[in-house]
Amino acid sequence: MGSKAGDEMLAKDPLFILAAGAALAVLVILMIGIGGFAKGGEFNRRHANRLMRYRIAAQAVAVLLIVAFAWIRSGGN
């Protein structure tokens, strides 16, 4: 496990915060999509494909931010 000082450093790293926020956005979009799918009806018919596109775009951004964070933290080698 990481040290407390290391954990505090992560919490202050802007790129880590962006990556975590992007992952949270993916989770929120996914939960809205799953909820709409479970409920069915007009909301699901009108918004299911749009929510899927938003999730894929948000997921791509999250993955890029996570990879950038890992690359930068490793020293860029």
PDB file of N, CA and C in Angstrom:
ATOM      1  N   MET A   1       0.826  -1.191   0.000  1.00  0.00           N
ATOM      2  CA  MET A   1       0.000   0.000   0.000  1.00  0.00           C
ATOM      3  C   MET A   1       0.866   1.248   0.000  1.00  0.00           C
ATOM      4  N   GLY A   2       0.301   2.346  -0.477  1.00  0.00           N
ATOM      5  CA  GLY A   2       1.016   3.615  -0.533  1.00  0.00           C
ATOM      6  C   GLY A   2       1.100   4.267   0.831  1.00  0.00           C
ATOM      7  N   SER A   3       2.039   5.149   0.964  1.00  0.00           N
ATOM      8  CA  SER A   3       2.187   5.882   2.210  1.00  0.00           C
ATOM      9  C   SER A   3       1.162   7.001   2.261  1.00  0.00           C
ATOM     10  N   LYS A   4       0.955   7.513   3.460  1.00  0.00           N
ATOM     11  CA  LYS A   4       0.010   8.613   3.618  1.00  0.00           C
ATOM     12  C   LYS A   4       0.478   9.841   2.858  1.00  0.00           C
ATOM     13  N   ALA A   5       1.785  10.119   2.875  1.00  0.00           N
ATOM     14  CA  ALA A   5       2.332  11.260   2.136  1.00  0.00           C
ATOM     15  C   ALA A   5       2.126  11.075   0.638  1.00  0.00           C
ATOM     16  N   GLY A   6       2.295   9.853   0.147  1.00  0.00           N
ATOM     17  CA  GLY A   6       2.075   9.568  -1.274  1.00  0.00           C
ATOM     18  C   GLY A   6       0.622   9.749  -1.667  1.00  0.00           C
ATOM     19  N   ASP A   7      -0.273   9.328  -0.776  1.00  0.00           N
ATOM     20  CA  ASP A   7      -1.705   9.500  -1.035  1.00  0.00           C
ATOM     21  C   ASP A   7      -2.091  10.974  -1.069  1.00  0.00           C
ATOM     22  N   GLU A   8      -1.522  11.769  -0.163  1.00  0.00           N
ATOM     23  CA  GLU A   8      -1.802  13.200  -0.145  1.00  0.00           C
ATOM     24  C   GLU A   8      -1.267  13.873  -1.401  1.00  0.00           C
ATOM     25  N   MET A   9      -0.113  13.384  -1.892  1.00  0.00           N
ATOM     26  CA  MET A   9       0.455  13.948  -3.110  1.00  0.00           C
ATOM     27  C   MET A   9      -0.450  13.656  -4.310  1.00  0.00           C
ATOM     28  N   LEU A  10      -1.015  12.456  -4.367  1.00  0.00           N
ATOM     29  CA  LEU A  10      -1.937  12.124  -5.454  1.00  0.00           C
ATOM     30  C   LEU A  10      -3.169  13.019  -5.425  1.00  0.00           C
ATOM     31  N   ALA A  11      -3.684  13.274  -4.223  1.00  0.00           N
ATOM     32  CA  ALA A  11      -4.888  14.087  -4.100  1.00  0.00           C
ATOM     33  C   ALA A  11      -4.661  15.519  -4.570  1.00  0.00           C
ATOM     34  N   LYS A  12      -3.422  15.959  -4.615  1.00  0.00           N
ATOM     35  CA  LYS A  12      -3.109  17.322  -5.048  1.00  0.00           C
ATOM     36  C   LYS A  12      -2.629  17.388  -6.495  1.00  0.00           C
ATOM     37  N   ASP A  13      -2.479  16.252  -7.143  1.00  0.00           N
ATOM     38  CA  ASP A  13      -1.991  16.208  -8.523  1.00  0.00           C
ATOM     39  C   ASP A  13      -3.136  16.532  -9.475  1.00  0.00           C
ATOM     40  N   PRO A  14      -3.045  17.641 -10.228  1.00  0.00           N
ATOM     41  CA  PRO A  14      -4.163  18.040 -11.106  1.00  0.00           C
ATOM     42  C   PRO A  14      -4.514  16.989 -12.160  1.00  0.00           C
ATOM     43  N   LEU A  15      -3.527  16.306 -12.713  1.00  0.00           N
ATOM     44  CA  LEU A  15      -3.814  15.295 -13.730  1.00  0.00           C
ATOM     45  C   LEU A  15      -4.537  14.098 -13.120  1.00  0.00           C
ATOM     46  N   PHE A  16      -4.163  13.733 -11.904  1.00  0.00           N
ATOM     47  CA  PHE A  16      -4.862  12.645 -11.215  1.00  0.00           C
ATOM     48  C   PHE A  16      -6.317  13.034 -10.952  1.00  0.00           C
ATOM     49  N   ILE A  17      -6.532  14.278 -10.527  1.00  0.00           N
ATOM     50  CA  ILE A  17      -7.892  14.753 -10.264  1.00  0.00           C
ATOM     51  C   ILE A  17      -8.720  14.742 -11.553  1.00  0.00           C
ATOM     52  N   LEU A  18      -8.120  15.170 -12.665  1.00  0.00           N
ATOM     53  CA  LEU A  18      -8.825  15.131 -13.952  1.00  0.00           C
ATOM     54  C   LEU A  18      -9.166  13.697 -14.356  1.00  0.00           C
ATOM     55  N   ALA A  19      -8.199  12.787 -14.192  1.00  0.00           N
ATOM     56  CA  ALA A  19      -8.431  11.383 -14.560  1.00  0.00           C
ATOM     57  C   ALA A  19      -9.525  10.775 -13.687  1.00  0.00           C
ATOM     58  N   ALA A  20      -9.489  11.065 -12.398  1.00  0.00           N
ATOM     59  CA  ALA A  20     -10.511  10.536 -11.493  1.00  0.00           C
ATOM     60  C   ALA A  20     -11.882  11.129 -11.834  1.00  0.00           C
ATOM     61  N   GLY A  21     -11.920  12.412 -12.168  1.00  0.00           N
ATOM     62  CA  GLY A  21     -13.180  13.043 -12.556  1.00  0.00           C
ATOM     63  C   GLY A  21     -13.737  12.459 -13.839  1.00  0.00           C
ATOM     64  N   ALA A  22     -12.848  12.169 -14.790  1.00  0.00           N
ATOM     65  CA  ALA A  22     -13.294  11.562 -16.046  1.00  0.00           C
ATOM     66  C   ALA A  22     -13.844  10.162 -15.804  1.00  0.00           C
ATOM     67  N   ALA A  23     -13.190   9.401 -14.926  1.00  0.00           N
ATOM     68  CA  ALA A  23     -13.687   8.058 -14.596  1.00  0.00           C
ATOM     69  C   ALA A  23     -15.039   8.151 -13.893  1.00  0.00           C
ATOM     70  N   LEU A  24     -15.199   9.138 -13.033  1.00  0.00           N
ATOM     71  CA  LEU A  24     -16.479   9.337 -12.361  1.00  0.00           C
ATOM     72  C   LEU A  24     -17.568   9.715 -13.369  1.00  0.00           C
ATOM     73  N   ALA A  25     -17.216  10.544 -14.357  1.00  0.00           N
ATOM     74  CA  ALA A  25     -18.180  10.922 -15.402  1.00  0.00           C
ATOM     75  C   ALA A  25     -18.631   9.688 -16.183  1.00  0.00           C
ATOM     76  N   VAL A  26     -17.694   8.781 -16.478  1.00  0.00           N
ATOM     77  CA  VAL A  26     -18.045   7.532 -17.171  1.00  0.00           C
ATOM     78  C   VAL A  26     -19.033   6.739 -16.323  1.00  0.00           C
ATOM     79  N   LEU A  27     -18.763   6.648 -15.024  1.00  0.00           N
ATOM     80  CA  LEU A  27     -19.647   5.907 -14.136  1.00  0.00           C
ATOM     81  C   LEU A  27     -21.050   6.514 -14.103  1.00  0.00           C
ATOM     82  N   VAL A  28     -21.140   7.834 -14.018  1.00  0.00           N
ATOM     83  CA  VAL A  28     -22.445   8.508 -13.971  1.00  0.00           C
ATOM     84  C   VAL A  28     -23.216   8.255 -15.267  1.00  0.00           C
ATOM     85  N   ILE A  29     -22.548   8.423 -16.411  1.00  0.00           N
ATOM     86  CA  ILE A  29     -23.212   8.199 -17.693  1.00  0.00           C
ATOM     87  C   ILE A  29     -23.666   6.746 -17.819  1.00  0.00           C
ATOM     88  N   LEU A  30     -22.813   5.820 -17.379  1.00  0.00           N
ATOM     89  CA  LEU A  30     -23.164   4.405 -17.426  1.00  0.00           C
ATOM     90  C   LEU A  30     -24.372   4.103 -16.552  1.00  0.00           C
ATOM     91  N   MET A  31     -24.420   4.672 -15.356  1.00  0.00           N
ATOM     92  CA  MET A  31     -25.546   4.424 -14.459  1.00  0.00           C
ATOM     93  C   MET A  31     -26.850   4.999 -15.021  1.00  0.00           C
ATOM     94  N   ILE A  32     -26.782   6.177 -15.631  1.00  0.00           N
ATOM     95  CA  ILE A  32     -27.978   6.748 -16.260  1.00  0.00           C
ATOM     96  C   ILE A  32     -28.444   5.839 -17.394  1.00  0.00           C
ATOM     97  N   GLY A  33     -27.507   5.338 -18.195  1.00  0.00           N
ATOM     98  CA  GLY A  33     -27.859   4.445 -19.293  1.00  0.00           C
ATOM     99  C   GLY A  33     -28.458   3.146 -18.823  1.00  0.00           C
ATOM    100  N   ILE A  34     -27.867   2.549 -17.785  1.00  0.00           N
ATOM    101  CA  ILE A  34     -28.401   1.297 -17.251  1.00  0.00           C
ATOM    102  C   ILE A  34     -29.780   1.519 -16.640  1.00  0.00           C
ATOM    103  N   GLY A  35     -29.926   2.646 -15.929  1.00  0.00           N
ATOM    104  CA  GLY A  35     -31.238   2.961 -15.347  1.00  0.00           C
ATOM    105  C   GLY A  35     -32.300   3.144 -16.420  1.00  0.00           C
ATOM    106  N   GLY A  36     -31.948   3.845 -17.493  1.00  0.00           N
ATOM    107  CA  GLY A  36     -32.894   4.029 -18.589  1.00  0.00           C
ATOM    108  C   GLY A  36     -33.238   2.722 -19.272  1.00  0.00           C
ATOM    109  N   PHE A  37     -32.238   1.858 -19.430  1.00  0.00           N
ATOM    110  CA  PHE A  37     -32.470   0.557 -20.053  1.00  0.00           C
ATOM    111  C   PHE A  37     -33.379  -0.298 -19.176  1.00  0.00           C
ATOM    112  N   ALA A  38     -33.143  -0.281 -17.869  1.00  0.00           N
ATOM    113  CA  ALA A  38     -33.953  -1.090 -16.955  1.00  0.00           C
ATOM    114  C   ALA A  38     -35.400  -0.602 -16.921  1.00  0.00           C
ATOM    115  N   LYS A  39     -35.562   0.720 -16.955  1.00  0.00           N
ATOM    116  CA  LYS A  39     -36.910   1.283 -16.910  1.00  0.00           C
ATOM    117  C   LYS A  39     -37.619   1.135 -18.255  1.00  0.00           C
ATOM    118  N   GLY A  40     -36.830   1.228 -19.341  1.00  0.00           N
ATOM    119  CA  GLY A  40     -37.421   1.131 -20.675  1.00  0.00           C
ATOM    120  C   GLY A  40     -38.208   2.384 -21.000  1.00  0.00           C
ATOM    121  N   GLY A  41     -39.173   2.246 -21.844  1.00  0.00           N
ATOM    122  CA  GLY A  41     -40.056   3.353 -22.150  1.00  0.00           C
ATOM    123  C   GLY A  41     -39.463   4.382 -23.086  1.00  0.00           C
ATOM    124  N   GLU A  42     -40.074   5.544 -23.088  1.00  0.00           N
ATOM    125  CA  GLU A  42     -39.728   6.612 -24.019  1.00  0.00           C
ATOM    126  C   GLU A  42     -38.317   7.147 -23.797  1.00  0.00           C
ATOM    127  N   PHE A  43     -37.894   7.309 -22.540  1.00  0.00           N
ATOM    128  CA  PHE A  43     -36.547   7.819 -22.265  1.00  0.00           C
ATOM    129  C   PHE A  43     -35.498   6.916 -22.912  1.00  0.00           C
ATOM    130  N   ASN A  44     -35.654   5.628 -22.738  1.00  0.00           N
ATOM    131  CA  ASN A  44     -34.678   4.687 -23.304  1.00  0.00           C
ATOM    132  C   ASN A  44     -34.689   4.746 -24.826  1.00  0.00           C
ATOM    133  N   ARG A  45     -35.854   4.808 -25.439  1.00  0.00           N
ATOM    134  CA  ARG A  45     -35.929   4.865 -26.897  1.00  0.00           C
ATOM    135  C   ARG A  45     -35.273   6.133 -27.443  1.00  0.00           C
ATOM    136  N   ARG A  46     -35.442   7.236 -26.748  1.00  0.00           N
ATOM    137  CA  ARG A  46     -34.935   8.515 -27.245  1.00  0.00           C
ATOM    138  C   ARG A  46     -33.459   8.745 -26.946  1.00  0.00           C
ATOM    139  N   HIS A  47     -32.949   8.188 -25.853  1.00  0.00           N
ATOM    140  CA  HIS A  47     -31.616   8.579 -25.392  1.00  0.00           C
ATOM    141  C   HIS A  47     -30.590   7.455 -25.280  1.00  0.00           C
ATOM    142  N   ALA A  48     -30.953   6.209 -25.497  1.00  0.00           N
ATOM    143  CA  ALA A  48     -30.033   5.092 -25.280  1.00  0.00           C
ATOM    144  C   ALA A  48     -28.778   5.211 -26.146  1.00  0.00           C
ATOM    145  N   ASN A  49     -28.939   5.460 -27.436  1.00  0.00           N
ATOM    146  CA  ASN A  49     -27.772   5.531 -28.323  1.00  0.00           C
ATOM    147  C   ASN A  49     -26.911   6.751 -28.021  1.00  0.00           C
ATOM    148  N   ARG A  50     -27.538   7.865 -27.701  1.00  0.00           N
ATOM    149  CA  ARG A  50     -26.782   9.075 -27.370  1.00  0.00           C
ATOM    150  C   ARG A  50     -25.960   8.863 -26.096  1.00  0.00           C
ATOM    151  N   LEU A  51     -26.568   8.241 -25.078  1.00  0.00           N
ATOM    152  CA  LEU A  51     -25.838   7.972 -23.842  1.00  0.00           C
ATOM    153  C   LEU A  51     -24.664   7.030 -24.103  1.00  0.00           C
ATOM    154  N   MET A  52     -24.850   6.053 -24.989  1.00  0.00           N
ATOM    155  CA  MET A  52     -23.760   5.134 -25.315  1.00  0.00           C
ATOM    156  C   MET A  52     -22.611   5.887 -25.981  1.00  0.00           C
ATOM    157  N   ARG A  53     -22.929   6.804 -26.886  1.00  0.00           N
ATOM    158  CA  ARG A  53     -21.873   7.603 -27.537  1.00  0.00           C
ATOM    159  C   ARG A  53     -21.158   8.493 -26.529  1.00  0.00           C
ATOM    160  N   TYR A  54     -21.914   9.108 -25.632  1.00  0.00           N
ATOM    161  CA  TYR A  54     -21.295   9.939 -24.593  1.00  0.00           C
ATOM    162  C   TYR A  54     -20.375   9.101 -23.708  1.00  0.00           C
ATOM    163  N   ARG A  55     -20.833   7.892 -23.343  1.00  0.00           N
ATOM    164  CA  ARG A  55     -20.021   7.026 -22.482  1.00  0.00           C
ATOM    165  C   ARG A  55     -18.735   6.633 -23.177  1.00  0.00           C
ATOM    166  N   ILE A  56     -18.816   6.281 -24.448  1.00  0.00           N
ATOM    167  CA  ILE A  56     -17.614   5.876 -25.183  1.00  0.00           C
ATOM    168  C   ILE A  56     -16.634   7.042 -25.278  1.00  0.00           C
ATOM    169  N   ALA A  57     -17.128   8.236 -25.552  1.00  0.00           N
ATOM    170  CA  ALA A  57     -16.252   9.409 -25.633  1.00  0.00           C
ATOM    171  C   ALA A  57     -15.627   9.711 -24.266  1.00  0.00           C
ATOM    172  N   ALA A  58     -16.431   9.678 -23.210  1.00  0.00           N
ATOM    173  CA  ALA A  58     -15.907   9.941 -21.872  1.00  0.00           C
ATOM    174  C   ALA A  58     -14.903   8.870 -21.456  1.00  0.00           C
ATOM    175  N   GLN A  59     -15.158   7.642 -21.849  1.00  0.00           N
ATOM    176  CA  GLN A  59     -14.250   6.545 -21.520  1.00  0.00           C
ATOM    177  C   GLN A  59     -12.920   6.721 -22.249  1.00  0.00           C
ATOM    178  N   ALA A  60     -12.956   7.150 -23.493  1.00  0.00           N
ATOM    179  CA  ALA A  60     -11.719   7.389 -24.245  1.00  0.00           C
ATOM    180  C   ALA A  60     -10.898   8.494 -23.585  1.00  0.00           C
ATOM    181  N   VAL A  61     -11.570   9.563 -23.174  1.00  0.00           N
ATOM    182  CA  VAL A  61     -10.870  10.658 -22.491  1.00  0.00           C
ATOM    183  C   VAL A  61     -10.277  10.162 -21.185  1.00  0.00           C
ATOM    184  N   ALA A  62     -11.046   9.382 -20.419  1.00  0.00           N
ATOM    185  CA  ALA A  62     -10.551   8.859 -19.144  1.00  0.00           C
ATOM    186  C   ALA A  62      -9.327   7.979 -19.345  1.00  0.00           C
ATOM    187  N   VAL A  63      -9.366   7.100 -20.330  1.00  0.00           N
ATOM    188  CA  VAL A  63      -8.228   6.217 -20.589  1.00  0.00           C
ATOM    189  C   VAL A  63      -6.996   7.032 -20.991  1.00  0.00           C
ATOM    190  N   LEU A  64      -7.179   8.019 -21.861  1.00  0.00           N
ATOM    191  CA  LEU A  64      -6.047   8.865 -22.265  1.00  0.00           C
ATOM    192  C   LEU A  64      -5.448   9.609 -21.071  1.00  0.00           C
ATOM    193  N   LEU A  65      -6.297  10.133 -20.196  1.00  0.00           N
ATOM    194  CA  LEU A  65      -5.801  10.834 -19.016  1.00  0.00           C
ATOM    195  C   LEU A  65      -5.070   9.895 -18.062  1.00  0.00           C
ATOM    196  N   ILE A  66      -5.581   8.691 -17.884  1.00  0.00           N
ATOM    197  CA  ILE A  66      -4.927   7.712 -17.007  1.00  0.00           C
ATOM    198  C   ILE A  66      -3.579   7.305 -17.575  1.00  0.00           C
ATOM    199  N   VAL A  67      -3.518   7.063 -18.878  1.00  0.00           N
ATOM    200  CA  VAL A  67      -2.244   6.704 -19.515  1.00  0.00           C
ATOM    201  C   VAL A  67      -1.257   7.860 -19.424  1.00  0.00           C
ATOM    202  N   ALA A  68      -1.731   9.082 -19.663  1.00  0.00           N
ATOM    203  CA  ALA A  68      -0.851  10.256 -19.556  1.00  0.00           C
ATOM    204  C   ALA A  68      -0.337  10.402 -18.133  1.00  0.00           C
ATOM    205  N   PHE A  69      -1.202  10.219 -17.158  1.00  0.00           N
ATOM    206  CA  PHE A  69      -0.788  10.313 -15.760  1.00  0.00           C
ATOM    207  C   PHE A  69       0.286   9.271 -15.449  1.00  0.00           C
ATOM    208  N   ALA A  70       0.045   8.028 -15.854  1.00  0.00           N
ATOM    209  CA  ALA A  70       1.016   6.962 -15.584  1.00  0.00           C
ATOM    210  C   ALA A  70       2.345   7.234 -16.286  1.00  0.00           C
ATOM    211  N   TRP A  71       2.291   7.710 -17.505  1.00  0.00           N
ATOM    212  CA  TRP A  71       3.509   7.991 -18.268  1.00  0.00           C
ATOM    213  C   TRP A  71       4.308   9.123 -17.627  1.00  0.00           C
ATOM    214  N   ILE A  72       3.610  10.191 -17.256  1.00  0.00           N
ATOM    215  CA  ILE A  72       4.291  11.334 -16.654  1.00  0.00           C
ATOM    216  C   ILE A  72       4.863  10.957 -15.286  1.00  0.00           C
ATOM    217  N   ARG A  73       4.094  10.215 -14.480  1.00  0.00           N
ATOM    218  CA  ARG A  73       4.576   9.805 -13.147  1.00  0.00           C
ATOM    219  C   ARG A  73       5.745   8.832 -13.227  1.00  0.00           C
ATOM    220  N   SER A  74       5.860   8.088 -14.330  1.00  0.00           N
ATOM    221  CA  SER A  74       6.966   7.140 -14.467  1.00  0.00           C
ATOM    222  C   SER A  74       8.231   7.823 -14.947  1.00  0.00           C
ATOM    223  N   GLY A  75       8.167   9.084 -15.232  1.00  0.00           N
ATOM    224  CA  GLY A  75       9.338   9.820 -15.686  1.00  0.00           C
ATOM    225  C   GLY A  75       9.371  10.017 -17.192  1.00  0.00           C
ATOM    226  N   GLY A  76       8.353   9.597 -17.891  1.00  0.00           N
ATOM    227  CA  GLY A  76       8.272   9.792 -19.329  1.00  0.00           C
ATOM    228  C   GLY A  76       9.180   8.900 -20.140  1.00  0.00           C
ATOM    229  N   ASN A  77       9.606   7.799 -19.567  1.00  0.00           N
ATOM    230  CA  ASN A  77      10.503   6.875 -20.297  1.00  0.00           C
ATOM    231  C   ASN A  77       9.730   5.757 -20.918  1.00  0.00           C
TER     232      ASN A  77
END
